[in-house]
PDB file of N, CA and C in Angstrom:
ATOM      1  N   MET A   1     -54.671  -6.860  50.971  1.00  0.00           N
ATOM      2  CA  MET A   1     -55.071  -6.589  49.554  1.00  0.00           C
ATOM      3  C   MET A   1     -56.583  -6.654  49.511  1.00  0.00           C
ATOM      4  N   GLY A   2     -57.184  -5.528  49.043  1.00  0.00           N
ATOM      5  CA  GLY A   2     -58.632  -5.466  48.958  1.00  0.00           C
ATOM      6  C   GLY A   2     -59.099  -5.910  47.611  1.00  0.00           C
ATOM      7  N   TRP A   3     -60.404  -6.023  47.559  1.00  0.00           N
ATOM      8  CA  TRP A   3     -61.111  -6.439  46.290  1.00  0.00           C
ATOM      9  C   TRP A   3     -60.820  -5.575  45.171  1.00  0.00           C
ATOM     10  N   GLU A   4     -60.691  -4.314  45.455  1.00  0.00           N
ATOM     11  CA  GLU A   4     -60.407  -3.306  44.422  1.00  0.00           C
ATOM     12  C   GLU A   4     -59.115  -3.544  43.748  1.00  0.00           C
ATOM     13  N   GLN A   5     -58.107  -3.891  44.494  1.00  0.00           N
ATOM     14  CA  GLN A   5     -56.856  -4.192  44.033  1.00  0.00           C
ATOM     15  C   GLN A   5     -56.817  -5.460  43.188  1.00  0.00           C
ATOM     16  N   VAL A   6     -57.539  -6.468  43.698  1.00  0.00           N
ATOM     17  CA  VAL A   6     -57.626  -7.757  42.984  1.00  0.00           C
ATOM     18  C   VAL A   6     -58.314  -7.483  41.631  1.00  0.00           C
ATOM     19  N   ILE A   7     -59.348  -6.819  41.576  1.00  0.00           N
ATOM     20  CA  ILE A   7     -60.135  -6.535  40.368  1.00  0.00           C
ATOM     21  C   ILE A   7     -59.257  -5.749  39.412  1.00  0.00           C
ATOM     22  N   THR A   8     -58.493  -4.771  39.942  1.00  0.00           N
ATOM     23  CA  THR A   8     -57.539  -3.981  39.095  1.00  0.00           C
ATOM     24  C   THR A   8     -56.505  -4.833  38.465  1.00  0.00           C
ATOM     25  N   VAL A   9     -55.892  -5.789  39.275  1.00  0.00           N
ATOM     26  CA  VAL A   9     -54.876  -6.633  38.669  1.00  0.00           C
ATOM     27  C   VAL A   9     -55.477  -7.612  37.700  1.00  0.00           C
ATOM     28  N   VAL A  10     -56.630  -8.227  37.996  1.00  0.00           N
ATOM     29  CA  VAL A  10     -57.286  -9.150  37.065  1.00  0.00           C
ATOM     30  C   VAL A  10     -57.630  -8.412  35.766  1.00  0.00           C
ATOM     31  N   ALA A  11     -58.221  -7.248  35.887  1.00  0.00           N
ATOM     32  CA  ALA A  11     -58.583  -6.480  34.647  1.00  0.00           C
ATOM     33  C   ALA A  11     -57.405  -6.141  33.849  1.00  0.00           C
ATOM     34  N   THR A  12     -56.314  -5.809  34.491  1.00  0.00           N
ATOM     35  CA  THR A  12     -55.063  -5.451  33.735  1.00  0.00           C
ATOM     36  C   THR A  12     -54.553  -6.635  32.989  1.00  0.00           C
ATOM     37  N   VAL A  13     -54.556  -7.815  33.653  1.00  0.00           N
ATOM     38  CA  VAL A  13     -54.066  -9.033  33.014  1.00  0.00           C
ATOM     39  C   VAL A  13     -54.981  -9.411  31.847  1.00  0.00           C
ATOM     40  N   VAL A  14     -56.241  -9.347  32.041  1.00  0.00           N
ATOM     41  CA  VAL A  14     -57.241  -9.712  30.951  1.00  0.00           C
ATOM     42  C   VAL A  14     -57.045  -8.774  29.785  1.00  0.00           C
ATOM     43  N   LEU A  15     -56.894  -7.462  30.008  1.00  0.00           N
ATOM     44  CA  LEU A  15     -56.652  -6.507  28.971  1.00  0.00           C
ATOM     45  C   LEU A  15     -55.367  -6.832  28.246  1.00  0.00           C
ATOM     46  N   ALA A  16     -54.299  -7.120  28.959  1.00  0.00           N
ATOM     47  CA  ALA A  16     -53.009  -7.433  28.257  1.00  0.00           C
ATOM     48  C   ALA A  16     -53.205  -8.715  27.448  1.00  0.00           C
ATOM     49  N   VAL A  17     -53.884  -9.687  27.908  1.00  0.00           N
ATOM     50  CA  VAL A  17     -54.119 -10.884  27.150  1.00  0.00           C
ATOM     51  C   VAL A  17     -54.901 -10.596  25.866  1.00  0.00           C
ATOM     52  N   LEU A  18     -55.976  -9.814  25.984  1.00  0.00           N
ATOM     53  CA  LEU A  18     -56.765  -9.445  24.778  1.00  0.00           C
ATOM     54  C   LEU A  18     -55.910  -8.759  23.794  1.00  0.00           C
ATOM     55  N   VAL A  19     -55.138  -7.792  24.200  1.00  0.00           N
ATOM     56  CA  VAL A  19     -54.269  -7.045  23.275  1.00  0.00           C
ATOM     57  C   VAL A  19     -53.264  -7.978  22.604  1.00  0.00           C
ATOM     58  N   ALA A  20     -52.713  -8.878  23.336  1.00  0.00           N
ATOM     59  CA  ALA A  20     -51.762  -9.813  22.790  1.00  0.00           C
ATOM     60  C   ALA A  20     -52.438 -10.723  21.685  1.00  0.00           C
ATOM     61  N   VAL A  21     -53.624 -11.160  22.000  1.00  0.00           N
ATOM     62  CA  VAL A  21     -54.383 -12.065  21.062  1.00  0.00           C
ATOM     63  C   VAL A  21     -54.650 -11.272  19.775  1.00  0.00           C
ATOM     64  N   LEU A  22     -55.102 -10.100  19.935  1.00  0.00           N
ATOM     65  CA  LEU A  22     -55.425  -9.267  18.717  1.00  0.00           C
ATOM     66  C   LEU A  22     -54.202  -8.943  17.897  1.00  0.00           C
ATOM     67  N   TYR A  23     -53.085  -8.714  18.566  1.00  0.00           N
ATOM     68  CA  TYR A  23     -51.834  -8.433  17.840  1.00  0.00           C
ATOM     69  C   TYR A  23     -51.356  -9.676  17.136  1.00  0.00           C
ATOM     70  N   ASN A  24     -51.449 -10.876  17.740  1.00  0.00           N
ATOM     71  CA  ASN A  24     -51.021 -12.073  17.114  1.00  0.00           C
ATOM     72  C   ASN A  24     -51.960 -12.476  15.951  1.00  0.00           C
ATOM     73  N   ASN A  25     -53.243 -12.225  16.096  1.00  0.00           N
ATOM     74  CA  ASN A  25     -54.148 -12.460  14.972  1.00  0.00           C
ATOM     75  C   ASN A  25     -53.790 -11.650  13.785  1.00  0.00           C
ATOM     76  N   ARG A  26     -53.369 -10.389  14.020  1.00  0.00           N
ATOM     77  CA  ARG A  26     -52.983  -9.561  12.882  1.00  0.00           C
ATOM     78  C   ARG A  26     -51.701 -10.102  12.220  1.00  0.00           C
ATOM     79  N   ARG A  27     -50.791 -10.574  13.004  1.00  0.00           N
ATOM     80  CA  ARG A  27     -49.552 -11.177  12.488  1.00  0.00           C
ATOM     81  C   ARG A  27     -49.882 -12.488  11.721  1.00  0.00           C
ATOM     82  N   PHE A  28     -50.801 -13.321  12.187  1.00  0.00           N
ATOM     83  CA  PHE A  28     -51.177 -14.522  11.507  1.00  0.00           C
ATOM     84  C   PHE A  28     -51.812 -14.170  10.142  1.00  0.00           C
ATOM     85  N   ASP A  29     -52.582 -13.076  10.126  1.00  0.00           N
ATOM     86  CA  ASP A  29     -53.232 -12.687   8.867  1.00  0.00           C
ATOM     87  C   ASP A  29     -52.124 -12.255   7.833  1.00  0.00           C
ATOM     88  N   ASP A  30     -51.069 -11.585   8.338  1.00  0.00           N
ATOM     89  CA  ASP A  30     -50.003 -11.190   7.504  1.00  0.00           C
ATOM     90  C   ASP A  30     -49.207 -12.382   6.952  1.00  0.00           C
ATOM     91  N   VAL A  31     -49.056 -13.363   7.757  1.00  0.00           N
ATOM     92  CA  VAL A  31     -48.383 -14.646   7.343  1.00  0.00           C
ATOM     93  C   VAL A  31     -49.241 -15.339   6.280  1.00  0.00           C
ATOM     94  N   HIS A  32     -50.538 -15.405   6.495  1.00  0.00           N
ATOM     95  CA  HIS A  32     -51.399 -16.015   5.496  1.00  0.00           C
ATOM     96  C   HIS A  32     -51.362 -15.321   4.229  1.00  0.00           C
ATOM     97  N   ARG A  33     -51.387 -14.010   4.304  1.00  0.00           N
ATOM     98  CA  ARG A  33     -51.360 -13.166   3.102  1.00  0.00           C
ATOM     99  C   ARG A  33     -50.116 -13.409   2.292  1.00  0.00           C
ATOM    100  N   ARG A  34     -48.995 -13.519   2.981  1.00  0.00           N
ATOM    101  CA  ARG A  34     -47.717 -13.740   2.376  1.00  0.00           C
ATOM    102  C   ARG A  34     -47.645 -15.150   1.729  1.00  0.00           C
ATOM    103  N   ILE A  35     -48.225 -16.138   2.375  1.00  0.00           N
ATOM    104  CA  ILE A  35     -48.257 -17.512   1.856  1.00  0.00           C
ATOM    105  C   ILE A  35     -49.160 -17.445   0.562  1.00  0.00           C
ATOM    106  N   ASP A  36     -50.254 -16.744   0.605  1.00  0.00           N
ATOM    107  CA  ASP A  36     -51.080 -16.651  -0.629  1.00  0.00           C
ATOM    108  C   ASP A  36     -50.305 -15.951  -1.747  1.00  0.00           C
ATOM    109  N   ASP A  37     -49.508 -14.953  -1.442  1.00  0.00           N
ATOM    110  CA  ASP A  37     -48.784 -14.330  -2.465  1.00  0.00           C
ATOM    111  C   ASP A  37     -47.731 -15.320  -3.082  1.00  0.00           C
ATOM    112  N   LEU A  38     -47.140 -16.035  -2.199  1.00  0.00           N
ATOM    113  CA  LEU A  38     -46.111 -17.030  -2.678  1.00  0.00           C
ATOM    114  C   LEU A  38     -46.736 -18.115  -3.540  1.00  0.00           C
ATOM    115  N   ARG A  39     -47.916 -18.506  -3.090  1.00  0.00           N
ATOM    116  CA  ARG A  39     -48.676 -19.577  -3.828  1.00  0.00           C
ATOM    117  C   ARG A  39     -49.021 -19.077  -5.237  1.00  0.00           C
ATOM    118  N   ALA A  40     -49.449 -17.847  -5.313  1.00  0.00           N
ATOM    119  CA  ALA A  40     -49.847 -17.269  -6.589  1.00  0.00           C
ATOM    120  C   ALA A  40     -48.577 -17.109  -7.493  1.00  0.00           C
ATOM    121  N   ASP A  41     -47.492 -16.735  -6.930  1.00  0.00           N
ATOM    122  CA  ASP A  41     -46.209 -16.622  -7.710  1.00  0.00           C
ATOM    123  C   ASP A  41     -45.834 -18.026  -8.253  1.00  0.00           C
ATOM    124  N   MET A  42     -45.877 -19.061  -7.342  1.00  0.00           N
ATOM    125  CA  MET A  42     -45.505 -20.338  -7.792  1.00  0.00           C
ATOM    126  C   MET A  42     -46.436 -20.875  -8.864  1.00  0.00           C
ATOM    127  N   ASN A  43     -47.675 -20.590  -8.755  1.00  0.00           N
ATOM    128  CA  ASN A  43     -48.662 -21.096  -9.817  1.00  0.00           C
ATOM    129  C   ASN A  43     -48.330 -20.389 -11.117  1.00  0.00           C
ATOM    130  N   ALA A  44     -48.004 -19.106 -11.081  1.00  0.00           N
ATOM    131  CA  ALA A  44     -47.647 -18.438 -12.336  1.00  0.00           C
ATOM    132  C   ALA A  44     -46.368 -19.023 -12.880  1.00  0.00           C
ATOM    133  N   ARG A  45     -45.417 -19.335 -12.116  1.00  0.00           N
ATOM    134  CA  ARG A  45     -44.175 -19.920 -12.648  1.00  0.00           C
ATOM    135  C   ARG A  45     -44.421 -21.296 -13.237  1.00  0.00           C
ATOM    136  N   PHE A  46     -45.229 -22.115 -12.580  1.00  0.00           N
ATOM    137  CA  PHE A  46     -45.516 -23.429 -13.068  1.00  0.00           C
ATOM    138  C   PHE A  46     -46.345 -23.290 -14.362  1.00  0.00           C
ATOM    139  N   ALA A  47     -47.194 -22.263 -14.495  1.00  0.00           N
ATOM    140  CA  ALA A  47     -47.882 -22.119 -15.743  1.00  0.00           C
ATOM    141  C   ALA A  47     -46.930 -21.791 -16.920  1.00  0.00           C
ATOM    142  N   GLN A  48     -45.886 -21.045 -16.665  1.00  0.00           N
ATOM    143  CA  GLN A  48     -44.877 -20.725 -17.614  1.00  0.00           C
ATOM    144  C   GLN A  48     -44.140 -21.938 -18.043  1.00  0.00           C
ATOM    145  N   VAL A  49     -43.798 -22.828 -17.060  1.00  0.00           N
ATOM    146  CA  VAL A  49     -43.030 -24.053 -17.348  1.00  0.00           C
ATOM    147  C   VAL A  49     -43.914 -24.931 -18.167  1.00  0.00           C
ATOM    148  N   ASP A  50     -45.206 -25.054 -17.786  1.00  0.00           N
ATOM    149  CA  ASP A  50     -46.114 -25.925 -18.574  1.00  0.00           C
ATOM    150  C   ASP A  50     -46.215 -25.477 -19.998  1.00  0.00           C
ATOM    151  N   ALA A  51     -46.298 -24.122 -20.217  1.00  0.00           N
ATOM    152  CA  ALA A  51     -46.298 -23.575 -21.564  1.00  0.00           C
ATOM    153  C   ALA A  51     -45.063 -23.934 -22.352  1.00  0.00           C
ATOM    154  N   ARG A  52     -43.916 -23.751 -21.706  1.00  0.00           N
ATOM    155  CA  ARG A  52     -42.649 -24.195 -22.372  1.00  0.00           C
ATOM    156  C   ARG A  52     -42.586 -25.653 -22.719  1.00  0.00           C
ATOM    157  N   LEU A  53     -43.077 -26.475 -21.784  1.00  0.00           N
ATOM    158  CA  LEU A  53     -43.081 -27.891 -22.053  1.00  0.00           C
ATOM    159  C   LEU A  53     -44.059 -28.261 -23.233  1.00  0.00           C
ATOM    160  N   SER A  54     -45.188 -27.548 -23.269  1.00  0.00           N
ATOM    161  CA  SER A  54     -46.105 -27.814 -24.419  1.00  0.00           C
ATOM    162  C   SER A  54     -45.422 -27.441 -25.746  1.00  0.00           C
ATOM    163  N   GLU A  55     -44.675 -26.333 -25.757  1.00  0.00           N
ATOM    164  CA  GLU A  55     -44.065 -25.934 -26.996  1.00  0.00           C
ATOM    165  C   GLU A  55     -42.952 -26.994 -27.368  1.00  0.00           C
ATOM    166  N   LEU A  56     -42.248 -27.449 -26.330  1.00  0.00           N
ATOM    167  CA  LEU A  56     -41.262 -28.504 -26.636  1.00  0.00           C
ATOM    168  C   LEU A  56     -41.858 -29.812 -27.135  1.00  0.00           C
ATOM    169  N   ARG A  57     -42.956 -30.140 -26.606  1.00  0.00           N
ATOM    170  CA  ARG A  57     -43.713 -31.384 -27.127  1.00  0.00           C
ATOM    171  C   ARG A  57     -44.144 -31.171 -28.525  1.00  0.00           C
ATOM    172  N   GLU A  58     -44.629 -30.018 -28.857  1.00  0.00           N
ATOM    173  CA  GLU A  58     -44.966 -29.801 -30.272  1.00  0.00           C
ATOM    174  C   GLU A  58     -43.767 -29.849 -31.184  1.00  0.00           C
ATOM    175  N   ASP A  59     -42.674 -29.249 -30.718  1.00  0.00           N
ATOM    176  CA  ASP A  59     -41.415 -29.363 -31.572  1.00  0.00           C
ATOM    177  C   ASP A  59     -40.967 -30.788 -31.753  1.00  0.00           C
ATOM    178  N   LEU A  60     -41.060 -31.572 -30.652  1.00  0.00           N
ATOM    179  CA  LEU A  60     -40.632 -33.020 -30.750  1.00  0.00           C
ATOM    180  C   LEU A  60     -41.569 -33.690 -31.692  1.00  0.00           C
ATOM    181  N   ARG A  61     -42.865 -33.517 -31.616  1.00  0.00           N
ATOM    182  CA  ARG A  61     -43.790 -34.181 -32.567  1.00  0.00           C
ATOM    183  C   ARG A  61     -43.427 -33.812 -33.995  1.00  0.00           C
ATOM    184  N   GLU A  62     -43.134 -32.556 -34.198  1.00  0.00           N
ATOM    185  CA  GLU A  62     -42.777 -32.112 -35.620  1.00  0.00           C
ATOM    186  C   GLU A  62     -41.483 -32.829 -36.042  1.00  0.00           C
ATOM    187  N   ILE A  63     -40.493 -32.895 -35.203  1.00  0.00           N
ATOM    188  CA  ILE A  63     -39.239 -33.569 -35.550  1.00  0.00           C
ATOM    189  C   ILE A  63     -39.464 -35.019 -35.738  1.00  0.00           C
ATOM    190  N   ARG A  64     -40.261 -35.628 -34.911  1.00  0.00           N
ATOM    191  CA  ARG A  64     -40.510 -37.083 -35.043  1.00  0.00           C
ATOM    192  C   ARG A  64     -41.293 -37.293 -36.360  1.00  0.00           C
ATOM    193  N   GLY A  65     -42.223 -36.496 -36.708  1.00  0.00           N
ATOM    194  CA  GLY A  65     -42.872 -36.602 -37.977  1.00  0.00           C
ATOM    195  C   GLY A  65     -41.917 -36.490 -39.152  1.00  0.00           C
ATOM    196  N   MET A  66     -40.971 -35.491 -39.151  1.00  0.00           N
ATOM    197  CA  MET A  66     -40.078 -35.363 -40.165  1.00  0.00           C
ATOM    198  C   MET A  66     -39.133 -36.556 -40.299  1.00  0.00           C
ATOM    199  N   LEU A  67     -38.721 -37.064 -39.175  1.00  0.00           N
ATOM    200  CA  LEU A  67     -37.825 -38.269 -39.133  1.00  0.00           C
ATOM    201  C   LEU A  67     -38.533 -39.506 -39.706  1.00  0.00           C
ATOM    202  N   GLN A  68     -39.841 -39.629 -39.340  1.00  0.00           N
ATOM    203  CA  GLN A  68     -40.604 -40.763 -39.879  1.00  0.00           C
ATOM    204  C   GLN A  68     -40.787 -40.622 -41.385  1.00  0.00           C
ATOM    205  N   GLU A  69     -40.979 -39.421 -41.823  1.00  0.00           N
ATOM    206  CA  GLU A  69     -41.167 -39.192 -43.270  1.00  0.00           C
ATOM    207  C   GLU A  69     -39.814 -39.426 -43.982  1.00  0.00           C
ATOM    208  N   ALA A  70     -38.701 -39.078 -43.400  1.00  0.00           N
ATOM    209  CA  ALA A  70     -37.410 -39.312 -43.987  1.00  0.00           C
ATOM    210  C   ALA A  70     -37.131 -40.823 -44.021  1.00  0.00           C
ATOM    211  N   LEU A  71     -37.535 -41.558 -42.995  1.00  0.00           N
ATOM    212  CA  LEU A  71     -37.319 -42.963 -42.995  1.00  0.00           C
ATOM    213  C   LEU A  71     -38.200 -43.664 -44.031  1.00  0.00           C
ATOM    214  N   ARG A  72     -39.389 -43.180 -44.275  1.00  0.00           N
ATOM    215  CA  ARG A  72     -40.272 -43.732 -45.230  1.00  0.00           C
ATOM    216  C   ARG A  72     -39.792 -43.607 -46.637  1.00  0.00           C
ATOM    217  N   THR A  73     -39.256 -42.398 -46.866  1.00  0.00           N
ATOM    218  CA  THR A  73     -38.765 -42.105 -48.242  1.00  0.00           C
ATOM    219  C   THR A  73     -37.426 -42.669 -48.550  1.00  0.00           C
ATOM    220  N   SER A  74     -36.562 -42.965 -47.518  1.00  0.00           N
ATOM    221  CA  SER A  74     -35.246 -43.514 -47.758  1.00  0.00           C
ATOM    222  C   SER A  74     -35.290 -45.038 -47.874  1.00  0.00           C
ATOM    223  N   THR A  75     -36.252 -45.733 -47.403  1.00  0.00           N
ATOM    224  CA  THR A  75     -36.309 -47.167 -47.537  1.00  0.00           C
ATOM    225  C   THR A  75     -36.843 -47.527 -48.976  1.00  0.00           C
ATOM    226  N   PRO A  76     -36.151 -48.479 -49.603  1.00  0.00           N
ATOM    227  CA  PRO A  76     -36.635 -48.865 -51.016  1.00  0.00           C
ATOM    228  C   PRO A  76     -37.753 -49.790 -51.005  1.00  0.00           C
TER     229      PRO A  76
END
């Protein structure tokens, strides 16, 4: 086996490794992008839940105020 064949084999292996690394980096970027999309979706859903809970708290405060007022007026 001559040096030309050794260089050809080594160059082929190095090229294959570089192509594999670039391909995997692209796939990692896709995974990161998908995770970012899921994170944004979860944040939007949590914001909706927080808004609903705020509305419920306001309703509970209103009901508590009405009950306190009813108790004040009903006691002699």
